[in-house]
PDB file of N, CA and C in Angstrom:
ATOM      1  N   UNK A   1      13.512   8.416  14.696  1.00  0.00           N
ATOM      2  CA  UNK A   1      13.253   7.072  13.377  1.00  0.00           C
ATOM      3  C   UNK A   1      11.704   7.714  12.653  1.00  0.00           C
ATOM      4  N   UNK A   2      11.473   8.303  11.748  1.00  0.00           N
ATOM      5  CA  UNK A   2      10.460   8.267  10.827  1.00  0.00           C
ATOM      6  C   UNK A   2      10.071   6.728  10.014  1.00  0.00           C
ATOM      7  N   UNK A   3       9.278   6.168   9.876  1.00  0.00           N
ATOM      8  CA  UNK A   3       8.942   5.225   9.682  1.00  0.00           C
ATOM      9  C   UNK A   3       7.494   4.493   9.241  1.00  0.00           C
ATOM     10  N   UNK A   4       7.292   3.854   8.500  1.00  0.00           N
ATOM     11  CA  UNK A   4       6.098   4.139   7.621  1.00  0.00           C
ATOM     12  C   UNK A   4       4.482   3.040   8.882  1.00  0.00           C
ATOM     13  N   UNK A   5       3.584   3.786   9.219  1.00  0.00           N
ATOM     14  CA  UNK A   5       3.025   3.211  10.342  1.00  0.00           C
ATOM     15  C   UNK A   5       2.709   1.176  10.237  1.00  0.00           C
ATOM     16  N   UNK A   6       2.941   0.677   8.382  1.00  0.00           N
ATOM     17  CA  UNK A   6       2.680  -0.283   8.371  1.00  0.00           C
ATOM     18  C   UNK A   6       3.282  -1.395   9.302  1.00  0.00           C
ATOM     19  N   UNK A   7       4.304  -0.668   9.993  1.00  0.00           N
ATOM     20  CA  UNK A   7       5.713  -1.867  10.576  1.00  0.00           C
ATOM     21  C   UNK A   7       5.493  -1.180  12.291  1.00  0.00           C
ATOM     22  N   UNK A   8       4.898  -0.413  12.451  1.00  0.00           N
ATOM     23  CA  UNK A   8       4.527   0.219  13.799  1.00  0.00           C
ATOM     24  C   UNK A   8       4.289  -1.359  14.587  1.00  0.00           C
ATOM     25  N   UNK A   9       3.343  -2.138  13.933  1.00  0.00           N
ATOM     26  CA  UNK A   9       3.036  -3.634  15.595  1.00  0.00           C
ATOM     27  C   UNK A   9       4.103  -4.514  15.425  1.00  0.00           C
ATOM     28  N   UNK A  10       4.811  -4.849  14.177  1.00  0.00           N
ATOM     29  CA  UNK A  10       6.578  -5.184  14.807  1.00  0.00           C
ATOM     30  C   UNK A  10       7.443  -4.779  15.517  1.00  0.00           C
ATOM     31  N   UNK A  11       7.434  -3.379  15.241  1.00  0.00           N
ATOM     32  CA  UNK A  11       8.384  -2.461  15.922  1.00  0.00           C
ATOM     33  C   UNK A  11       8.334  -1.755  17.382  1.00  0.00           C
ATOM     34  N   UNK A  12       6.732  -2.001  17.235  1.00  0.00           N
ATOM     35  CA  UNK A  12       5.867  -1.630  19.104  1.00  0.00           C
ATOM     36  C   UNK A  12       7.082  -2.243  19.828  1.00  0.00           C
ATOM     37  N   UNK A  13       6.891  -4.189  20.214  1.00  0.00           N
ATOM     38  CA  UNK A  13       7.648  -4.333  20.766  1.00  0.00           C
ATOM     39  C   UNK A  13       8.812  -4.410  21.259  1.00  0.00           C
ATOM     40  N   UNK A  14       9.399  -4.025  20.117  1.00  0.00           N
ATOM     41  CA  UNK A  14      11.133  -3.561  20.615  1.00  0.00           C
ATOM     42  C   UNK A  14      11.435  -2.617  20.936  1.00  0.00           C
ATOM     43  N   UNK A  15      10.986  -1.595  21.275  1.00  0.00           N
ATOM     44  CA  UNK A  15      10.662  -0.475  21.798  1.00  0.00           C
ATOM     45  C   UNK A  15       9.435   0.358  22.568  1.00  0.00           C
ATOM     46  N   UNK A  16       9.821  -0.344  23.545  1.00  0.00           N
ATOM     47  CA  UNK A  16       8.826  -0.129  24.640  1.00  0.00           C
ATOM     48  C   UNK A  16       8.451   1.758  25.068  1.00  0.00           C
ATOM     49  N   UNK A  17       9.772   2.471  24.959  1.00  0.00           N
ATOM     50  CA  UNK A  17       9.146   3.910  25.677  1.00  0.00           C
ATOM     51  C   UNK A  17       9.013   4.574  23.568  1.00  0.00           C
ATOM     52  N   UNK A  18       9.214   4.326  23.301  1.00  0.00           N
ATOM     53  CA  UNK A  18       8.452   5.245  22.425  1.00  0.00           C
ATOM     54  C   UNK A  18       7.655   5.939  21.993  1.00  0.00           C
ATOM     55  N   UNK A  19       7.863   6.927  20.819  1.00  0.00           N
ATOM     56  CA  UNK A  19       5.805   7.489  21.313  1.00  0.00           C
ATOM     57  C   UNK A  19       5.925   6.929  19.704  1.00  0.00           C
ATOM     58  N   UNK A  20       4.839   6.775  19.263  1.00  0.00           N
ATOM     59  CA  UNK A  20       3.670   6.424  18.196  1.00  0.00           C
ATOM     60  C   UNK A  20       3.043   7.874  17.684  1.00  0.00           C
ATOM     61  N   UNK A  21       3.620   8.889  16.337  1.00  0.00           N
ATOM     62  CA  UNK A  21       3.255  10.325  16.328  1.00  0.00           C
ATOM     63  C   UNK A  21       2.650  10.504  15.092  1.00  0.00           C
ATOM     64  N   UNK A  22       1.085  10.211  14.656  1.00  0.00           N
ATOM     65  CA  UNK A  22       0.707  10.404  13.010  1.00  0.00           C
ATOM     66  C   UNK A  22       1.068  11.755  13.129  1.00  0.00           C
ATOM     67  N   UNK A  23       1.639  12.331  12.047  1.00  0.00           N
ATOM     68  CA  UNK A  23       2.043  13.868  11.052  1.00  0.00           C
ATOM     69  C   UNK A  23       0.588  13.898  10.922  1.00  0.00           C
ATOM     70  N   UNK A  24       0.610  15.579  11.235  1.00  0.00           N
ATOM     71  CA  UNK A  24      -0.655  15.807  10.952  1.00  0.00           C
ATOM     72  C   UNK A  24      -1.552  15.577   8.924  1.00  0.00           C
ATOM     73  N   UNK A  25      -2.712  15.908   8.755  1.00  0.00           N
ATOM     74  CA  UNK A  25      -3.818  15.840   7.262  1.00  0.00           C
ATOM     75  C   UNK A  25      -2.652  16.565   6.568  1.00  0.00           C
ATOM     76  N   UNK A  26      -2.280  17.762   6.920  1.00  0.00           N
ATOM     77  CA  UNK A  26      -1.379  18.793   5.643  1.00  0.00           C
ATOM     78  C   UNK A  26      -0.458  18.110   5.235  1.00  0.00           C
ATOM     79  N   UNK A  27       0.382  17.509   6.125  1.00  0.00           N
ATOM     80  CA  UNK A  27       2.089  16.854   4.963  1.00  0.00           C
ATOM     81  C   UNK A  27       1.663  15.170   5.562  1.00  0.00           C
ATOM     82  N   UNK A  28       0.689  14.807   5.705  1.00  0.00           N
ATOM     83  CA  UNK A  28       0.204  13.499   4.671  1.00  0.00           C
ATOM     84  C   UNK A  28       0.928  13.040   3.800  1.00  0.00           C
ATOM     85  N   UNK A  29       1.830  12.250   3.887  1.00  0.00           N
ATOM     86  CA  UNK A  29       2.186  11.644   2.431  1.00  0.00           C
ATOM     87  C   UNK A  29       2.284   9.786   2.325  1.00  0.00           C
ATOM     88  N   UNK A  30       1.268   9.451   1.215  1.00  0.00           N
ATOM     89  CA  UNK A  30       1.577   8.211   1.611  1.00  0.00           C
ATOM     90  C   UNK A  30       2.381   7.809   0.040  1.00  0.00           C
ATOM     91  N   UNK A  31       3.075   6.334   0.577  1.00  0.00           N
ATOM     92  CA  UNK A  31       3.535   5.865  -0.817  1.00  0.00           C
ATOM     93  C   UNK A  31       3.186   5.281  -1.572  1.00  0.00           C
ATOM     94  N   UNK A  32       3.748   5.815  -2.906  1.00  0.00           N
ATOM     95  CA  UNK A  32       2.998   4.828  -4.288  1.00  0.00           C
ATOM     96  C   UNK A  32       4.082   3.658  -4.300  1.00  0.00           C
ATOM     97  N   UNK A  33       2.770   2.624  -4.678  1.00  0.00           N
ATOM     98  CA  UNK A  33       3.325   1.555  -4.795  1.00  0.00           C
ATOM     99  C   UNK A  33       3.084   1.137  -6.752  1.00  0.00           C
ATOM    100  N   UNK A  34       4.090   0.742  -7.520  1.00  0.00           N
ATOM    101  CA  UNK A  34       3.761   0.185  -9.057  1.00  0.00           C
ATOM    102  C   UNK A  34       3.432  -1.229  -9.288  1.00  0.00           C
ATOM    103  N   UNK A  35       2.556  -1.613  -9.881  1.00  0.00           N
ATOM    104  CA  UNK A  35       3.029  -3.135 -10.320  1.00  0.00           C
ATOM    105  C   UNK A  35       3.136  -3.547 -11.429  1.00  0.00           C
ATOM    106  N   UNK A  36       3.585  -4.241 -12.567  1.00  0.00           N
ATOM    107  CA  UNK A  36       3.892  -4.586 -13.429  1.00  0.00           C
ATOM    108  C   UNK A  36       4.645  -6.063 -13.844  1.00  0.00           C
ATOM    109  N   UNK A  37       3.769  -6.824 -14.687  1.00  0.00           N
ATOM    110  CA  UNK A  37       4.321  -7.473 -14.847  1.00  0.00           C
ATOM    111  C   UNK A  37       4.942  -7.337 -16.306  1.00  0.00           C
ATOM    112  N   UNK A  38       5.907  -8.034 -16.628  1.00  0.00           N
ATOM    113  CA  UNK A  38       7.238  -7.686 -17.218  1.00  0.00           C
ATOM    114  C   UNK A  38       7.057  -8.973 -18.368  1.00  0.00           C
ATOM    115  N   UNK A  39       7.204  -8.757 -19.563  1.00  0.00           N
ATOM    116  CA  UNK A  39       7.670  -9.292 -21.434  1.00  0.00           C
ATOM    117  C   UNK A  39       8.267 -10.266 -20.751  1.00  0.00           C
ATOM    118  N   UNK A  40       7.596 -11.690 -21.264  1.00  0.00           N
ATOM    119  CA  UNK A  40       8.786 -13.322 -20.721  1.00  0.00           C
ATOM    120  C   UNK A  40       8.781 -13.782 -19.531  1.00  0.00           C
ATOM    121  N   UNK A  41       7.670 -13.077 -18.286  1.00  0.00           N
ATOM    122  CA  UNK A  41       7.931 -13.240 -17.373  1.00  0.00           C
ATOM    123  C   UNK A  41       7.218 -14.803 -17.372  1.00  0.00           C
ATOM    124  N   UNK A  42       7.268 -15.552 -16.438  1.00  0.00           N
ATOM    125  CA  UNK A  42       6.699 -16.793 -16.278  1.00  0.00           C
ATOM    126  C   UNK A  42       5.213 -16.174 -16.114  1.00  0.00           C
ATOM    127  N   UNK A  43       4.154 -17.131 -16.585  1.00  0.00           N
ATOM    128  CA  UNK A  43       3.164 -16.883 -17.132  1.00  0.00           C
ATOM    129  C   UNK A  43       1.994 -16.984 -15.474  1.00  0.00           C
ATOM    130  N   UNK A  44       2.575 -17.221 -14.515  1.00  0.00           N
ATOM    131  CA  UNK A  44       1.862 -17.136 -12.779  1.00  0.00           C
ATOM    132  C   UNK A  44       2.265 -15.539 -12.730  1.00  0.00           C
ATOM    133  N   UNK A  45       2.561 -15.135 -13.212  1.00  0.00           N
ATOM    134  CA  UNK A  45       2.773 -13.786 -12.949  1.00  0.00           C
ATOM    135  C   UNK A  45       1.946 -13.100 -12.746  1.00  0.00           C
ATOM    136  N   UNK A  46       1.440 -13.332 -14.205  1.00  0.00           N
ATOM    137  CA  UNK A  46       0.191 -12.152 -14.501  1.00  0.00           C
ATOM    138  C   UNK A  46      -0.949 -12.773 -12.563  1.00  0.00           C
ATOM    139  N   UNK A  47      -0.701 -14.110 -12.578  1.00  0.00           N
ATOM    140  CA  UNK A  47      -1.855 -14.284 -11.960  1.00  0.00           C
ATOM    141  C   UNK A  47      -1.868 -14.054 -10.557  1.00  0.00           C
ATOM    142  N   UNK A  48      -0.351 -13.438  -9.799  1.00  0.00           N
ATOM    143  CA  UNK A  48      -0.497 -13.020  -8.673  1.00  0.00           C
ATOM    144  C   UNK A  48      -0.527 -11.670  -8.765  1.00  0.00           C
ATOM    145  N   UNK A  49      -0.175 -11.186  -9.937  1.00  0.00           N
ATOM    146  CA  UNK A  49      -0.539  -9.689  -9.876  1.00  0.00           C
ATOM    147  C   UNK A  49      -1.940  -9.393  -9.863  1.00  0.00           C
ATOM    148  N   UNK A  50      -3.221  -9.705 -10.667  1.00  0.00           N
ATOM    149  CA  UNK A  50      -4.569 -10.117 -10.345  1.00  0.00           C
ATOM    150  C   UNK A  50      -4.863 -10.414  -8.895  1.00  0.00           C
ATOM    151  N   UNK A  51      -3.961 -11.015  -8.300  1.00  0.00           N
ATOM    152  CA  UNK A  51      -4.569 -11.771  -7.101  1.00  0.00           C
ATOM    153  C   UNK A  51      -4.252 -10.601  -6.144  1.00  0.00           C
ATOM    154  N   UNK A  52      -3.495  -9.448  -5.952  1.00  0.00           N
ATOM    155  CA  UNK A  52      -3.384  -8.688  -5.473  1.00  0.00           C
ATOM    156  C   UNK A  52      -3.625  -7.770  -5.994  1.00  0.00           C
ATOM    157  N   UNK A  53      -4.274  -7.374  -6.545  1.00  0.00           N
ATOM    158  CA  UNK A  53      -5.629  -6.123  -6.767  1.00  0.00           C
ATOM    159  C   UNK A  53      -6.916  -7.028  -6.467  1.00  0.00           C
ATOM    160  N   UNK A  54      -7.108  -8.139  -6.349  1.00  0.00           N
ATOM    161  CA  UNK A  54      -8.506  -8.934  -5.612  1.00  0.00           C
ATOM    162  C   UNK A  54      -8.851  -7.819  -4.147  1.00  0.00           C
ATOM    163  N   UNK A  55     -10.497  -8.377  -4.156  1.00  0.00           N
ATOM    164  CA  UNK A  55     -10.653  -7.565  -2.614  1.00  0.00           C
ATOM    165  C   UNK A  55      -9.957  -8.603  -1.874  1.00  0.00           C
ATOM    166  N   UNK A  56     -10.053 -10.044  -1.823  1.00  0.00           N
ATOM    167  CA  UNK A  56      -9.209 -10.845  -0.763  1.00  0.00           C
ATOM    168  C   UNK A  56      -7.790 -10.090  -0.447  1.00  0.00           C
ATOM    169  N   UNK A  57      -6.891 -10.224  -1.198  1.00  0.00           N
ATOM    170  CA  UNK A  57      -5.275  -9.665  -1.242  1.00  0.00           C
ATOM    171  C   UNK A  57      -5.669  -8.376  -0.649  1.00  0.00           C
ATOM    172  N   UNK A  58      -6.654  -7.435  -0.957  1.00  0.00           N
ATOM    173  CA  UNK A  58      -6.850  -6.334  -0.508  1.00  0.00           C
ATOM    174  C   UNK A  58      -6.825  -5.992   1.186  1.00  0.00           C
ATOM    175  N   UNK A  59      -7.541  -6.652   1.235  1.00  0.00           N
ATOM    176  CA  UNK A  59      -7.992  -7.520   3.260  1.00  0.00           C
ATOM    177  C   UNK A  59      -6.994  -7.544   3.454  1.00  0.00           C
ATOM    178  N   UNK A  60      -6.509  -8.985   2.908  1.00  0.00           N
ATOM    179  CA  UNK A  60      -4.959  -8.932   3.875  1.00  0.00           C
ATOM    180  C   UNK A  60      -4.061  -8.456   4.026  1.00  0.00           C
ATOM    181  N   UNK A  61      -4.051  -7.302   3.187  1.00  0.00           N
ATOM    182  CA  UNK A  61      -2.743  -5.924   2.948  1.00  0.00           C
ATOM    183  C   UNK A  61      -3.626  -4.804   4.278  1.00  0.00           C
ATOM    184  N   UNK A  62      -5.082  -4.845   4.100  1.00  0.00           N
ATOM    185  CA  UNK A  62      -5.970  -4.041   5.486  1.00  0.00           C
ATOM    186  C   UNK A  62      -5.199  -4.348   6.794  1.00  0.00           C
ATOM    187  N   UNK A  63      -5.249  -6.012   6.506  1.00  0.00           N
ATOM    188  CA  UNK A  63      -4.832  -6.255   8.039  1.00  0.00           C
ATOM    189  C   UNK A  63      -3.379  -5.979   8.334  1.00  0.00           C
ATOM    190  N   UNK A  64      -2.365  -5.435   7.326  1.00  0.00           N
ATOM    191  CA  UNK A  64      -1.127  -5.389   7.734  1.00  0.00           C
ATOM    192  C   UNK A  64      -0.801  -3.724   7.302  1.00  0.00           C
ATOM    193  N   UNK A  65      -2.095  -2.806   7.572  1.00  0.00           N
ATOM    194  CA  UNK A  65      -1.688  -2.112   7.765  1.00  0.00           C
ATOM    195  C   UNK A  65      -1.325  -1.364   6.033  1.00  0.00           C
ATOM    196  N   UNK A  66      -1.233  -1.860   5.077  1.00  0.00           N
ATOM    197  CA  UNK A  66      -1.772  -1.030   4.119  1.00  0.00           C
ATOM    198  C   UNK A  66      -3.193  -0.375   3.671  1.00  0.00           C
ATOM    199  N   UNK A  67      -3.300   0.172   2.612  1.00  0.00           N
ATOM    200  CA  UNK A  67      -4.427   1.479   2.243  1.00  0.00           C
ATOM    201  C   UNK A  67      -4.470   0.075   1.068  1.00  0.00           C
ATOM    202  N   UNK A  68      -5.995   0.071   1.106  1.00  0.00           N
ATOM    203  CA  UNK A  68      -6.275  -0.741  -0.171  1.00  0.00           C
ATOM    204  C   UNK A  68      -6.838   0.188  -1.545  1.00  0.00           C
ATOM    205  N   UNK A  69      -6.300  -0.781  -2.156  1.00  0.00           N
ATOM    206  CA  UNK A  69      -6.016   0.297  -4.092  1.00  0.00           C
ATOM    207  C   UNK A  69      -7.165  -0.832  -4.770  1.00  0.00           C
ATOM    208  N   UNK A  70      -7.089  -0.292  -5.782  1.00  0.00           N
ATOM    209  CA  UNK A  70      -7.986  -0.634  -6.917  1.00  0.00           C
ATOM    210  C   UNK A  70      -6.866  -0.438  -8.335  1.00  0.00           C
ATOM    211  N   UNK A  71      -7.678  -0.586  -9.157  1.00  0.00           N
ATOM    212  CA  UNK A  71      -7.377  -0.274 -10.919  1.00  0.00           C
ATOM    213  C   UNK A  71      -7.521   1.057 -10.921  1.00  0.00           C
ATOM    214  N   UNK A  72      -6.378   1.325 -11.488  1.00  0.00           N
ATOM    215  CA  UNK A  72      -6.014   2.696 -12.201  1.00  0.00           C
ATOM    216  C   UNK A  72      -7.573   3.338 -12.560  1.00  0.00           C
ATOM    217  N   UNK A  73      -7.737   4.499 -12.245  1.00  0.00           N
ATOM    218  CA  UNK A  73      -9.269   5.377 -12.851  1.00  0.00           C
ATOM    219  C   UNK A  73      -8.809   6.485 -14.159  1.00  0.00           C
ATOM    220  N   UNK A  74      -9.127   6.545 -14.763  1.00  0.00           N
ATOM    221  CA  UNK A  74      -8.894   7.712 -16.070  1.00  0.00           C
ATOM    222  C   UNK A  74      -9.253   9.007 -15.581  1.00  0.00           C
ATOM    223  N   UNK A  75      -8.638   9.890 -16.182  1.00  0.00           N
ATOM    224  CA  UNK A  75      -8.016  11.126 -15.134  1.00  0.00           C
ATOM    225  C   UNK A  75      -9.481  11.544 -15.750  1.00  0.00           C
ATOM    226  N   UNK A  76     -10.699  12.311 -15.465  1.00  0.00           N
ATOM    227  CA  UNK A  76     -11.493  13.860 -15.604  1.00  0.00           C
ATOM    228  C   UNK A  76     -11.583  14.130 -16.602  1.00  0.00           C
ATOM    229  N   UNK A  77     -12.227  14.546 -17.691  1.00  0.00           N
ATOM    230  CA  UNK A  77     -12.608  14.765 -18.743  1.00  0.00           C
ATOM    231  C   UNK A  77     -11.992  16.192 -18.414  1.00  0.00           C
ATOM    232  N   UNK A  78     -11.633  17.478 -18.521  1.00  0.00           N
ATOM    233  CA  UNK A  78     -11.220  18.839 -18.409  1.00  0.00           C
ATOM    234  C   UNK A  78     -12.837  19.435 -18.738  1.00  0.00           C
ATOM    235  N   UNK A  79     -12.474  20.311 -18.731  1.00  0.00           N
ATOM    236  CA  UNK A  79     -13.963  20.892 -18.062  1.00  0.00           C
ATOM    237  C   UNK A  79     -13.765  21.861 -19.123  1.00  0.00           C
ATOM    238  N   UNK A  80     -14.880  22.571 -20.143  1.00  0.00           N
ATOM    239  CA  UNK A  80     -15.113  23.006 -20.801  1.00  0.00           C
ATOM    240  C   UNK A  80     -15.660  24.605 -20.609  1.00  0.00           C
TER     241      UNK A  80
END
């Protein structure tokens, strides 16, 4: 089985003989998650989205095995 490291703590007690191996850095890929608030959504949806990007929420995600995220960055300007 291949699974996300974020699930390791939850799964490990149920698989006492399992080996957990991190892939070599040259083939590591991370999942990409999107976040959007739909038009017409409950106004609290925007509050939830902003909270999910807050330092407090990022700490909660990190404690559960997720990498911190931030707001999107503008791409670098092309070199002349």
